């Protein structure tokens, strides 16, 4: 058996079989669509098949072949994805749609399949950069009232506070006057 496009089409391989046609990678489905398009422009199917080095019988076999189970599932899943995307007011991307399908609706589907089907259907979530960390607004801090001079000669001359958080301990507030130090637990 040769590896010409005619042998691939006539052998009844699935739509994932590929051959090289004039410098481009074209699948069996692409060949069938190309022959159909040429036929709609007035070129006979036999002539188009000869130009593409496939058999006319292979084209007719491809055209009359029922859709595969995967194609049927993808069509159904695309409808479900469209519904989930519409319910989110077209804001959810593939990851959130995938989460809704698997966690919310209990469907068994891969994230890559959801990405593929959303791309084919032209469905996209709202753009937005990923948030890598907490973004805090720029708050003004208190001025340097002691001009970075923290040492004092006696007690009750300078009071400062320090708030610390340790994961193992509850919040603690340290209050001291550089001669005495008191630690109080905060909420």
N, C-alpha and C. Protein backbone atom coordinates (compact mmCIF):
# COMPACT_ATOMS: atom_id res chain seq x y z
N UNK A 1 0.85 -1.18 0.00
CA UNK A 1 0.00 0.00 0.00
C UNK A 1 0.89 1.24 0.00
N UNK A 2 0.59 2.18 -0.85
CA UNK A 2 1.40 3.38 -0.95
C UNK A 2 0.89 4.41 0.05
N UNK A 3 1.68 5.46 0.27
CA UNK A 3 1.28 6.49 1.23
C UNK A 3 0.78 7.73 0.52
N UNK A 4 0.16 7.59 -0.64
CA UNK A 4 -0.41 8.74 -1.34
C UNK A 4 -1.70 9.13 -0.66
N UNK A 5 -2.17 10.37 -0.89
CA UNK A 5 -3.44 10.77 -0.31
C UNK A 5 -4.59 9.86 -0.72
N UNK A 6 -4.52 9.28 -1.93
CA UNK A 6 -5.59 8.38 -2.37
C UNK A 6 -5.67 7.17 -1.47
N UNK A 7 -4.52 6.63 -1.08
CA UNK A 7 -4.52 5.46 -0.21
C UNK A 7 -5.06 5.80 1.17
N UNK A 8 -4.75 6.99 1.65
CA UNK A 8 -5.23 7.40 2.96
C UNK A 8 -6.74 7.56 2.95
N UNK A 9 -7.28 8.23 1.93
CA UNK A 9 -8.72 8.46 1.87
C UNK A 9 -9.45 7.15 1.64
N UNK A 10 -8.95 6.32 0.71
CA UNK A 10 -9.64 5.10 0.36
C UNK A 10 -9.58 4.07 1.48
N UNK A 11 -8.59 4.16 2.33
CA UNK A 11 -8.47 3.17 3.39
C UNK A 11 -9.46 3.39 4.51
N UNK A 12 -10.15 4.54 4.50
CA UNK A 12 -11.17 4.78 5.52
C UNK A 12 -10.60 5.19 6.86
N UNK A 13 -9.40 5.79 6.87
CA UNK A 13 -8.83 6.24 8.13
C UNK A 13 -9.65 7.40 8.68
N UNK A 14 -9.48 7.68 9.94
CA UNK A 14 -10.25 8.74 10.58
C UNK A 14 -9.78 10.10 10.10
N UNK A 15 -10.47 11.13 10.58
CA UNK A 15 -10.14 12.50 10.17
C UNK A 15 -8.80 12.96 10.69
N UNK A 16 -8.14 12.19 11.53
CA UNK A 16 -6.86 12.62 12.07
C UNK A 16 -5.69 12.14 11.23
N UNK A 17 -5.95 11.40 10.13
CA UNK A 17 -4.87 10.96 9.25
C UNK A 17 -4.39 12.15 8.44
N UNK A 18 -3.09 12.32 8.29
CA UNK A 18 -2.55 13.48 7.61
C UNK A 18 -1.58 13.07 6.51
N UNK A 19 -1.53 13.86 5.47
CA UNK A 19 -0.56 13.74 4.38
C UNK A 19 -0.15 15.12 3.94
N UNK A 20 0.99 15.20 3.24
CA UNK A 20 1.44 16.48 2.73
C UNK A 20 0.83 16.72 1.37
N UNK A 21 0.19 17.88 1.23
CA UNK A 21 -0.36 18.29 -0.05
C UNK A 21 0.21 19.67 -0.32
N UNK A 22 0.69 19.90 -1.56
CA UNK A 22 1.49 21.05 -1.98
C UNK A 22 2.07 21.91 -0.85
N UNK A 23 2.94 21.32 -0.04
CA UNK A 23 3.67 22.10 0.96
C UNK A 23 2.89 22.38 2.22
N UNK A 24 1.65 21.92 2.34
CA UNK A 24 0.87 22.19 3.54
C UNK A 24 0.37 20.88 4.12
N UNK A 25 0.17 20.87 5.42
CA UNK A 25 -0.33 19.69 6.10
C UNK A 25 -1.85 19.74 6.04
N UNK A 26 -2.46 18.76 5.37
CA UNK A 26 -3.91 18.75 5.19
C UNK A 26 -4.44 17.40 5.63
N UNK A 27 -5.49 17.38 6.40
CA UNK A 27 -6.09 16.13 6.83
C UNK A 27 -7.11 15.64 5.83
N UNK A 28 -7.61 14.45 6.06
CA UNK A 28 -8.62 13.87 5.19
C UNK A 28 -9.84 14.78 5.14
N UNK A 29 -10.24 15.32 6.26
CA UNK A 29 -11.38 16.23 6.30
C UNK A 29 -11.11 17.45 5.44
N UNK A 30 -9.89 17.97 5.48
CA UNK A 30 -9.53 19.13 4.67
C UNK A 30 -9.58 18.83 3.19
N UNK A 31 -9.13 17.62 2.80
CA UNK A 31 -9.19 17.23 1.40
C UNK A 31 -10.63 17.15 0.93
N UNK A 32 -11.48 16.55 1.73
CA UNK A 32 -12.88 16.44 1.37
C UNK A 32 -13.53 17.79 1.21
N UNK A 33 -13.24 18.70 2.12
CA UNK A 33 -13.80 20.05 2.03
C UNK A 33 -13.26 20.78 0.81
N UNK A 34 -11.98 20.58 0.52
CA UNK A 34 -11.38 21.23 -0.64
C UNK A 34 -12.00 20.71 -1.93
N UNK A 35 -12.21 19.41 -2.04
CA UNK A 35 -12.85 18.84 -3.23
C UNK A 35 -14.28 19.35 -3.34
N UNK A 36 -15.00 19.42 -2.22
CA UNK A 36 -16.37 19.94 -2.24
C UNK A 36 -16.42 21.39 -2.68
N UNK A 37 -15.44 22.18 -2.23
CA UNK A 37 -15.40 23.59 -2.62
C UNK A 37 -15.09 23.73 -4.11
N UNK A 38 -14.15 22.93 -4.60
CA UNK A 38 -13.84 22.96 -6.04
C UNK A 38 -15.05 22.53 -6.86
N UNK A 39 -15.78 21.53 -6.38
CA UNK A 39 -16.98 21.07 -7.08
C UNK A 39 -18.05 22.16 -7.11
N UNK A 40 -18.15 22.93 -6.03
CA UNK A 40 -19.14 24.02 -6.01
C UNK A 40 -18.77 25.15 -6.97
N UNK A 41 -17.49 25.22 -7.35
CA UNK A 41 -17.04 26.23 -8.31
C UNK A 41 -17.08 25.73 -9.75
N UNK A 42 -17.62 24.53 -9.95
CA UNK A 42 -17.79 24.03 -11.30
C UNK A 42 -16.78 22.99 -11.74
N UNK A 43 -15.80 22.66 -10.92
CA UNK A 43 -14.82 21.64 -11.26
C UNK A 43 -15.43 20.28 -10.93
N UNK A 44 -15.29 19.33 -11.83
CA UNK A 44 -15.87 18.02 -11.55
C UNK A 44 -15.12 17.35 -10.40
N UNK A 45 -15.83 16.49 -9.68
CA UNK A 45 -15.23 15.81 -8.53
C UNK A 45 -14.09 14.91 -8.99
N UNK A 46 -14.26 14.26 -10.13
CA UNK A 46 -13.21 13.39 -10.65
C UNK A 46 -11.94 14.18 -10.95
N UNK A 47 -12.09 15.35 -11.57
CA UNK A 47 -10.92 16.17 -11.91
C UNK A 47 -10.25 16.71 -10.64
N UNK A 48 -11.06 17.19 -9.68
CA UNK A 48 -10.50 17.69 -8.42
C UNK A 48 -9.78 16.58 -7.67
N UNK A 49 -10.35 15.38 -7.70
CA UNK A 49 -9.70 14.25 -7.03
C UNK A 49 -8.37 13.91 -7.70
N UNK A 50 -8.35 13.95 -9.03
CA UNK A 50 -7.12 13.67 -9.75
C UNK A 50 -6.05 14.72 -9.44
N UNK A 51 -6.45 16.00 -9.37
CA UNK A 51 -5.49 17.07 -9.07
C UNK A 51 -4.89 16.91 -7.67
N UNK A 52 -5.70 16.44 -6.74
CA UNK A 52 -5.23 16.29 -5.36
C UNK A 52 -4.70 14.90 -5.06
N UNK A 53 -4.66 14.07 -6.08
CA UNK A 53 -4.14 12.71 -5.98
C UNK A 53 -4.90 11.86 -4.97
N UNK A 54 -6.22 11.98 -4.99
CA UNK A 54 -7.08 11.13 -4.18
C UNK A 54 -8.11 10.50 -5.10
N UNK A 55 -8.73 9.44 -4.66
CA UNK A 55 -9.74 8.79 -5.50
C UNK A 55 -11.09 9.44 -5.28
N UNK A 56 -11.89 9.48 -6.33
CA UNK A 56 -13.24 10.01 -6.22
C UNK A 56 -14.07 9.12 -5.31
N UNK A 57 -13.83 7.82 -5.35
CA UNK A 57 -14.56 6.89 -4.47
C UNK A 57 -14.23 7.18 -3.01
N UNK A 58 -12.98 7.50 -2.73
CA UNK A 58 -12.61 7.86 -1.36
C UNK A 58 -13.30 9.12 -0.90
N UNK A 59 -13.44 10.11 -1.81
CA UNK A 59 -14.16 11.34 -1.46
C UNK A 59 -15.61 11.03 -1.14
N UNK A 60 -16.27 10.22 -1.99
CA UNK A 60 -17.67 9.88 -1.74
C UNK A 60 -17.84 9.07 -0.47
N UNK A 61 -16.86 8.19 -0.18
CA UNK A 61 -16.91 7.43 1.06
C UNK A 61 -16.78 8.35 2.26
N UNK A 62 -15.90 9.35 2.17
CA UNK A 62 -15.74 10.31 3.26
C UNK A 62 -17.01 11.12 3.47
N UNK A 63 -17.63 11.53 2.34
CA UNK A 63 -18.82 12.37 2.41
C UNK A 63 -20.01 11.62 3.01
N UNK A 64 -20.11 10.32 2.74
CA UNK A 64 -21.26 9.56 3.24
C UNK A 64 -21.01 8.94 4.61
N UNK A 65 -19.79 9.07 5.14
CA UNK A 65 -19.46 8.50 6.43
C UNK A 65 -20.19 9.25 7.54
N UNK A 66 -20.80 8.54 8.50
CA UNK A 66 -21.48 9.24 9.60
C UNK A 66 -20.44 9.90 10.51
N UNK A 67 -20.88 10.91 11.27
CA UNK A 67 -19.93 11.56 12.18
C UNK A 67 -19.46 10.59 13.26
N UNK A 68 -18.23 10.79 13.68
CA UNK A 68 -17.65 9.91 14.71
C UNK A 68 -18.23 10.24 16.08
N UNK A 69 -17.98 9.35 17.04
CA UNK A 69 -18.46 9.59 18.41
C UNK A 69 -17.83 10.86 18.98
N UNK A 70 -16.56 11.07 18.65
CA UNK A 70 -15.87 12.27 19.15
C UNK A 70 -16.52 13.53 18.57
N UNK A 71 -16.84 13.50 17.28
CA UNK A 71 -17.46 14.67 16.66
C UNK A 71 -18.83 14.95 17.28
N UNK A 72 -19.58 13.90 17.56
CA UNK A 72 -20.90 14.07 18.19
C UNK A 72 -20.74 14.63 19.60
N UNK A 73 -19.78 14.08 20.37
CA UNK A 73 -19.55 14.59 21.73
C UNK A 73 -19.06 16.03 21.70
N UNK A 74 -18.18 16.36 20.76
CA UNK A 74 -17.69 17.74 20.67
C UNK A 74 -18.82 18.70 20.31
N UNK A 75 -19.74 18.29 19.44
CA UNK A 75 -20.87 19.15 19.10
C UNK A 75 -21.75 19.38 20.32
N UNK A 76 -22.04 18.30 21.08
CA UNK A 76 -22.85 18.43 22.28
C UNK A 76 -22.13 19.29 23.33
N UNK A 77 -20.83 19.02 23.52
CA UNK A 77 -20.07 19.75 24.52
C UNK A 77 -19.94 21.23 24.15
N UNK A 78 -19.84 21.52 22.86
CA UNK A 78 -19.78 22.92 22.43
C UNK A 78 -21.07 23.64 22.79
N UNK A 79 -22.21 22.97 22.65
CA UNK A 79 -23.48 23.59 23.04
C UNK A 79 -23.53 23.86 24.55
N UNK A 80 -23.03 22.91 25.35
CA UNK A 80 -23.00 23.10 26.80
C UNK A 80 -22.05 24.25 27.16
N UNK A 81 -20.90 24.30 26.49
CA UNK A 81 -19.93 25.37 26.75
C UNK A 81 -20.53 26.73 26.38
N UNK A 82 -21.25 26.80 25.26
CA UNK A 82 -21.90 28.06 24.88
C UNK A 82 -22.89 28.50 25.95
N UNK A 83 -23.63 27.54 26.51
CA UNK A 83 -24.61 27.87 27.55
C UNK A 83 -23.93 28.38 28.82
N UNK A 84 -22.86 27.70 29.25
CA UNK A 84 -22.13 28.14 30.45
C UNK A 84 -21.52 29.52 30.21
N UNK A 85 -20.98 29.74 29.02
CA UNK A 85 -20.36 31.03 28.69
C UNK A 85 -21.41 32.12 28.66
N UNK A 86 -22.58 31.83 28.13
CA UNK A 86 -23.66 32.82 28.10
C UNK A 86 -24.17 33.12 29.50
N UNK A 87 -24.26 32.08 30.35
CA UNK A 87 -24.71 32.29 31.73
C UNK A 87 -23.76 33.18 32.52
N UNK A 88 -22.50 33.22 32.11
CA UNK A 88 -21.52 34.07 32.80
C UNK A 88 -21.44 35.45 32.17
N UNK A 89 -22.39 35.77 31.29
CA UNK A 89 -22.39 37.05 30.58
C UNK A 89 -21.12 37.23 29.75
N UNK A 90 -20.66 36.15 29.14
CA UNK A 90 -19.48 36.10 28.28
C UNK A 90 -18.21 36.58 28.98
N UNK A 91 -18.10 36.32 30.27
CA UNK A 91 -16.92 36.76 31.01
C UNK A 91 -15.95 35.62 31.30
N UNK A 92 -16.46 34.39 31.42
CA UNK A 92 -15.59 33.27 31.81
C UNK A 92 -14.73 32.80 30.65
N UNK A 93 -13.48 32.55 30.96
CA UNK A 93 -12.57 31.95 30.00
C UNK A 93 -12.60 30.44 30.13
N UNK A 94 -11.66 29.78 29.47
CA UNK A 94 -11.65 28.32 29.42
C UNK A 94 -11.49 27.70 30.80
N UNK A 95 -10.67 28.29 31.68
CA UNK A 95 -10.44 27.70 33.00
C UNK A 95 -11.70 27.73 33.86
N UNK A 96 -12.41 28.84 33.83
CA UNK A 96 -13.62 28.93 34.64
C UNK A 96 -14.75 28.09 34.05
N UNK A 97 -14.83 28.05 32.72
CA UNK A 97 -15.84 27.20 32.09
C UNK A 97 -15.55 25.74 32.42
N UNK A 98 -14.26 25.36 32.37
CA UNK A 98 -13.86 24.00 32.73
C UNK A 98 -14.26 23.69 34.17
N UNK A 99 -14.02 24.63 35.09
CA UNK A 99 -14.38 24.42 36.49
C UNK A 99 -15.89 24.26 36.64
N UNK A 100 -16.66 25.06 35.92
CA UNK A 100 -18.12 24.94 35.99
C UNK A 100 -18.59 23.60 35.45
N UNK A 101 -17.98 23.14 34.36
CA UNK A 101 -18.39 21.87 33.77
C UNK A 101 -18.06 20.70 34.69
N UNK A 102 -16.85 20.70 35.25
CA UNK A 102 -16.43 19.55 36.06
C UNK A 102 -16.97 19.62 37.48
N UNK A 103 -16.86 20.75 38.13
CA UNK A 103 -17.29 20.86 39.52
C UNK A 103 -18.77 21.18 39.65
N UNK A 104 -19.26 22.08 38.80
CA UNK A 104 -20.66 22.49 38.91
C UNK A 104 -21.63 21.52 38.28
N UNK A 105 -21.26 20.94 37.14
CA UNK A 105 -22.19 20.06 36.42
C UNK A 105 -21.78 18.60 36.44
N UNK A 106 -20.61 18.30 36.97
CA UNK A 106 -20.19 16.92 37.11
C UNK A 106 -19.82 16.22 35.82
N UNK A 107 -19.46 16.96 34.79
CA UNK A 107 -19.08 16.35 33.51
C UNK A 107 -17.62 15.93 33.55
N UNK A 108 -17.30 14.89 32.83
CA UNK A 108 -15.92 14.44 32.70
C UNK A 108 -15.40 15.01 31.39
N UNK A 109 -14.53 15.99 31.49
CA UNK A 109 -13.98 16.66 30.32
C UNK A 109 -12.62 17.21 30.69
N UNK A 110 -11.72 17.27 29.75
CA UNK A 110 -10.40 17.82 29.99
C UNK A 110 -10.36 19.31 29.72
N UNK A 111 -9.45 19.99 30.39
CA UNK A 111 -9.34 21.44 30.20
C UNK A 111 -8.88 21.77 28.79
N UNK A 112 -8.02 20.91 28.22
CA UNK A 112 -7.57 21.14 26.85
C UNK A 112 -8.71 21.04 25.86
N UNK A 113 -9.64 20.12 26.09
CA UNK A 113 -10.80 20.00 25.21
C UNK A 113 -11.68 21.24 25.29
N UNK A 114 -11.84 21.77 26.50
CA UNK A 114 -12.64 22.99 26.66
C UNK A 114 -11.96 24.15 25.94
N UNK A 115 -10.64 24.26 26.07
CA UNK A 115 -9.91 25.32 25.38
C UNK A 115 -10.06 25.18 23.87
N UNK A 116 -9.93 23.96 23.36
CA UNK A 116 -10.05 23.71 21.93
C UNK A 116 -11.43 24.07 21.41
N UNK A 117 -12.46 23.60 22.09
CA UNK A 117 -13.83 23.84 21.63
C UNK A 117 -14.23 25.31 21.76
N UNK A 118 -13.76 25.97 22.82
CA UNK A 118 -14.05 27.40 22.94
C UNK A 118 -13.37 28.19 21.83
N UNK A 119 -12.13 27.80 21.49
CA UNK A 119 -11.44 28.48 20.40
C UNK A 119 -12.13 28.26 19.07
N UNK A 120 -12.57 27.03 18.80
CA UNK A 120 -13.29 26.74 17.56
C UNK A 120 -14.60 27.50 17.48
N UNK A 121 -15.27 27.66 18.62
CA UNK A 121 -16.56 28.35 18.65
C UNK A 121 -16.40 29.87 18.72
N UNK A 122 -15.17 30.35 18.90
CA UNK A 122 -14.94 31.79 18.99
C UNK A 122 -15.35 32.38 20.32
N UNK A 123 -15.31 31.58 21.37
CA UNK A 123 -15.69 32.05 22.71
C UNK A 123 -14.44 32.37 23.51
N UNK A 124 -14.40 33.55 24.09
CA UNK A 124 -13.27 33.98 24.88
C UNK A 124 -13.77 34.68 26.13
N UNK A 125 -13.01 34.58 27.21
CA UNK A 125 -13.35 35.30 28.42
C UNK A 125 -12.86 36.73 28.34
N UNK A 126 -13.25 37.50 29.32
CA UNK A 126 -12.78 38.88 29.35
C UNK A 126 -11.27 38.90 29.59
N UNK A 127 -10.57 39.76 28.89
CA UNK A 127 -9.12 39.80 29.10
C UNK A 127 -8.79 40.45 30.43
N UNK A 128 -7.68 40.05 30.94
CA UNK A 128 -7.23 40.63 32.18
C UNK A 128 -5.94 39.96 32.59
N UNK A 129 -5.02 40.72 33.11
CA UNK A 129 -3.76 40.10 33.52
C UNK A 129 -3.96 39.23 34.74
N UNK A 130 -3.15 38.22 34.82
CA UNK A 130 -3.18 37.39 36.02
C UNK A 130 -2.62 38.19 37.17
N UNK A 131 -3.26 38.06 38.28
CA UNK A 131 -2.82 38.79 39.46
C UNK A 131 -1.83 37.91 40.21
N UNK A 132 -0.58 38.33 40.20
CA UNK A 132 0.45 37.50 40.80
C UNK A 132 0.52 37.68 42.31
N UNK A 133 0.06 38.78 42.82
CA UNK A 133 0.12 39.00 44.26
C UNK A 133 -0.87 40.07 44.66
N UNK A 134 -0.91 40.35 45.90
CA UNK A 134 -1.82 41.36 46.41
C UNK A 134 -1.29 42.74 46.04
N UNK A 135 -2.13 43.53 45.44
CA UNK A 135 -1.73 44.88 45.05
C UNK A 135 -2.36 45.83 46.06
N UNK A 136 -1.52 46.48 46.82
CA UNK A 136 -1.99 47.41 47.84
C UNK A 136 -1.92 48.83 47.31
N UNK A 137 -2.91 49.63 47.65
CA UNK A 137 -2.83 51.03 47.22
C UNK A 137 -1.70 51.74 47.95
N UNK A 138 -1.15 52.74 47.34
CA UNK A 138 -0.06 53.48 47.96
C UNK A 138 -0.64 54.42 49.01
N UNK A 139 -0.41 54.06 50.25
CA UNK A 139 -0.91 54.86 51.35
C UNK A 139 0.20 55.74 51.88
N UNK A 140 -0.16 56.91 52.29
CA UNK A 140 0.84 57.79 52.89
C UNK A 140 1.09 57.33 54.31
N UNK A 141 2.33 57.33 54.69
CA UNK A 141 2.69 56.92 56.04
C UNK A 141 2.91 58.16 56.89
N UNK A 142 2.97 57.94 58.19
CA UNK A 142 3.17 59.06 59.10
C UNK A 142 4.57 59.64 58.90
N UNK A 143 4.68 60.90 59.10
CA UNK A 143 5.98 61.56 58.96
C UNK A 143 6.95 61.12 60.04
N UNK A 144 8.20 61.40 59.83
CA UNK A 144 9.24 61.05 60.79
C UNK A 144 9.26 62.10 61.89
N UNK A 145 8.48 61.84 62.93
CA UNK A 145 8.35 62.84 64.00
C UNK A 145 9.54 62.86 64.94
N UNK A 146 10.36 61.81 64.93
CA UNK A 146 11.50 61.77 65.86
C UNK A 146 12.82 61.90 65.11
N UNK A 147 12.76 62.20 63.85
CA UNK A 147 13.94 62.37 62.98
C UNK A 147 14.94 61.23 63.16
N UNK A 148 14.41 60.02 63.23
CA UNK A 148 15.19 58.78 63.31
C UNK A 148 16.12 58.74 64.54
N UNK A 149 15.76 59.45 65.55
CA UNK A 149 16.54 59.44 66.79
C UNK A 149 15.69 58.72 67.83
N UNK A 150 15.97 57.43 68.06
CA UNK A 150 15.13 56.62 68.92
C UNK A 150 15.68 56.48 70.34
N UNK A 151 16.84 56.92 70.60
CA UNK A 151 17.38 56.75 71.95
C UNK A 151 17.00 57.96 72.81
N UNK A 152 16.61 57.70 74.04
CA UNK A 152 16.24 58.76 74.99
C UNK A 152 16.91 58.46 76.32
N UNK A 153 17.09 59.50 77.11
CA UNK A 153 17.81 59.37 78.38
C UNK A 153 16.94 58.77 79.48
N UNK A 154 15.66 59.09 79.50
CA UNK A 154 14.82 58.63 80.59
C UNK A 154 13.54 57.97 80.09
N UNK A 155 12.69 57.65 81.06
CA UNK A 155 11.44 57.01 80.70
C UNK A 155 10.40 58.04 80.30
N UNK A 156 9.35 57.60 79.61
CA UNK A 156 8.23 58.41 79.16
C UNK A 156 8.64 59.60 78.29
N UNK A 157 9.69 59.48 77.53
CA UNK A 157 10.09 60.54 76.62
C UNK A 157 9.73 60.22 75.17
N UNK A 158 9.72 58.93 74.80
CA UNK A 158 9.39 58.53 73.43
C UNK A 158 8.67 57.20 73.47
N UNK A 159 7.46 57.19 72.91
CA UNK A 159 6.68 55.96 72.83
C UNK A 159 6.55 55.56 71.36
N UNK A 160 6.81 54.29 71.10
CA UNK A 160 6.64 53.77 69.74
C UNK A 160 5.85 52.46 69.81
N UNK A 161 5.25 52.09 68.69
CA UNK A 161 4.52 50.82 68.64
C UNK A 161 5.03 50.01 67.46
N UNK A 162 4.83 48.73 67.58
CA UNK A 162 5.23 47.83 66.51
C UNK A 162 4.19 46.71 66.45
N UNK A 163 3.67 46.44 65.29
CA UNK A 163 2.69 45.38 65.13
C UNK A 163 3.35 44.26 64.35
N UNK A 164 3.33 43.08 64.92
CA UNK A 164 3.95 41.92 64.29
C UNK A 164 2.90 40.86 64.07
N UNK A 165 3.13 40.03 63.07
CA UNK A 165 2.24 38.89 62.86
C UNK A 165 3.11 37.67 62.63
N UNK A 166 2.88 36.67 63.43
CA UNK A 166 3.56 35.40 63.28
C UNK A 166 2.49 34.35 63.04
N UNK A 167 2.75 33.45 62.09
CA UNK A 167 1.75 32.43 61.77
C UNK A 167 1.48 31.51 62.95
N UNK A 168 2.49 31.21 63.74
CA UNK A 168 2.31 30.28 64.85
C UNK A 168 1.63 30.95 66.05
N UNK A 169 1.72 32.26 66.14
CA UNK A 169 1.16 32.98 67.26
C UNK A 169 0.02 33.87 66.79
N UNK A 170 -0.78 34.32 67.71
CA UNK A 170 -1.81 35.28 67.33
C UNK A 170 -1.14 36.64 67.15
N UNK A 171 -1.89 37.59 66.65
CA UNK A 171 -1.32 38.93 66.45
C UNK A 171 -0.87 39.49 67.79
N UNK A 172 0.28 40.12 67.77
CA UNK A 172 0.79 40.70 69.01
C UNK A 172 1.13 42.16 68.74
N UNK A 173 0.84 42.98 69.69
CA UNK A 173 1.16 44.39 69.60
C UNK A 173 2.21 44.67 70.65
N UNK A 174 3.34 45.20 70.20
CA UNK A 174 4.38 45.54 71.15
C UNK A 174 4.37 47.04 71.42
N UNK A 175 4.31 47.39 72.65
CA UNK A 175 4.31 48.79 73.03
C UNK A 175 5.44 48.99 74.02
N UNK A 176 6.26 49.99 73.78
CA UNK A 176 7.36 50.19 74.71
C UNK A 176 7.88 51.60 74.66
N UNK A 177 8.63 51.97 75.67
CA UNK A 177 9.23 53.30 75.70
C UNK A 177 10.74 53.20 75.74
N UNK A 178 11.28 52.09 75.22
CA UNK A 178 12.70 51.81 75.14
C UNK A 178 13.34 51.57 76.50
N UNK A 179 12.57 51.65 77.58
CA UNK A 179 13.07 51.23 78.88
C UNK A 179 12.19 50.12 79.41
N UNK A 180 10.92 50.18 79.12
CA UNK A 180 9.99 49.12 79.49
C UNK A 180 9.39 48.56 78.21
N UNK A 181 9.03 47.32 78.24
CA UNK A 181 8.41 46.71 77.04
C UNK A 181 7.23 45.88 77.52
N UNK A 182 6.07 46.13 76.93
CA UNK A 182 4.86 45.37 77.25
C UNK A 182 4.35 44.75 75.95
N UNK A 183 3.88 43.54 76.04
CA UNK A 183 3.35 42.86 74.87
C UNK A 183 1.91 42.49 75.16
N UNK A 184 1.04 42.89 74.30
CA UNK A 184 -0.38 42.57 74.46
C UNK A 184 -0.85 41.80 73.26
N UNK A 185 -1.68 40.81 73.48
CA UNK A 185 -2.22 40.03 72.36
C UNK A 185 -3.34 40.81 71.72
N UNK A 186 -3.31 40.89 70.42
CA UNK A 186 -4.36 41.59 69.68
C UNK A 186 -5.18 40.57 68.91
N UNK A 187 -6.48 40.79 68.84
CA UNK A 187 -7.50 40.04 68.20
C UNK A 187 -7.17 39.05 67.24
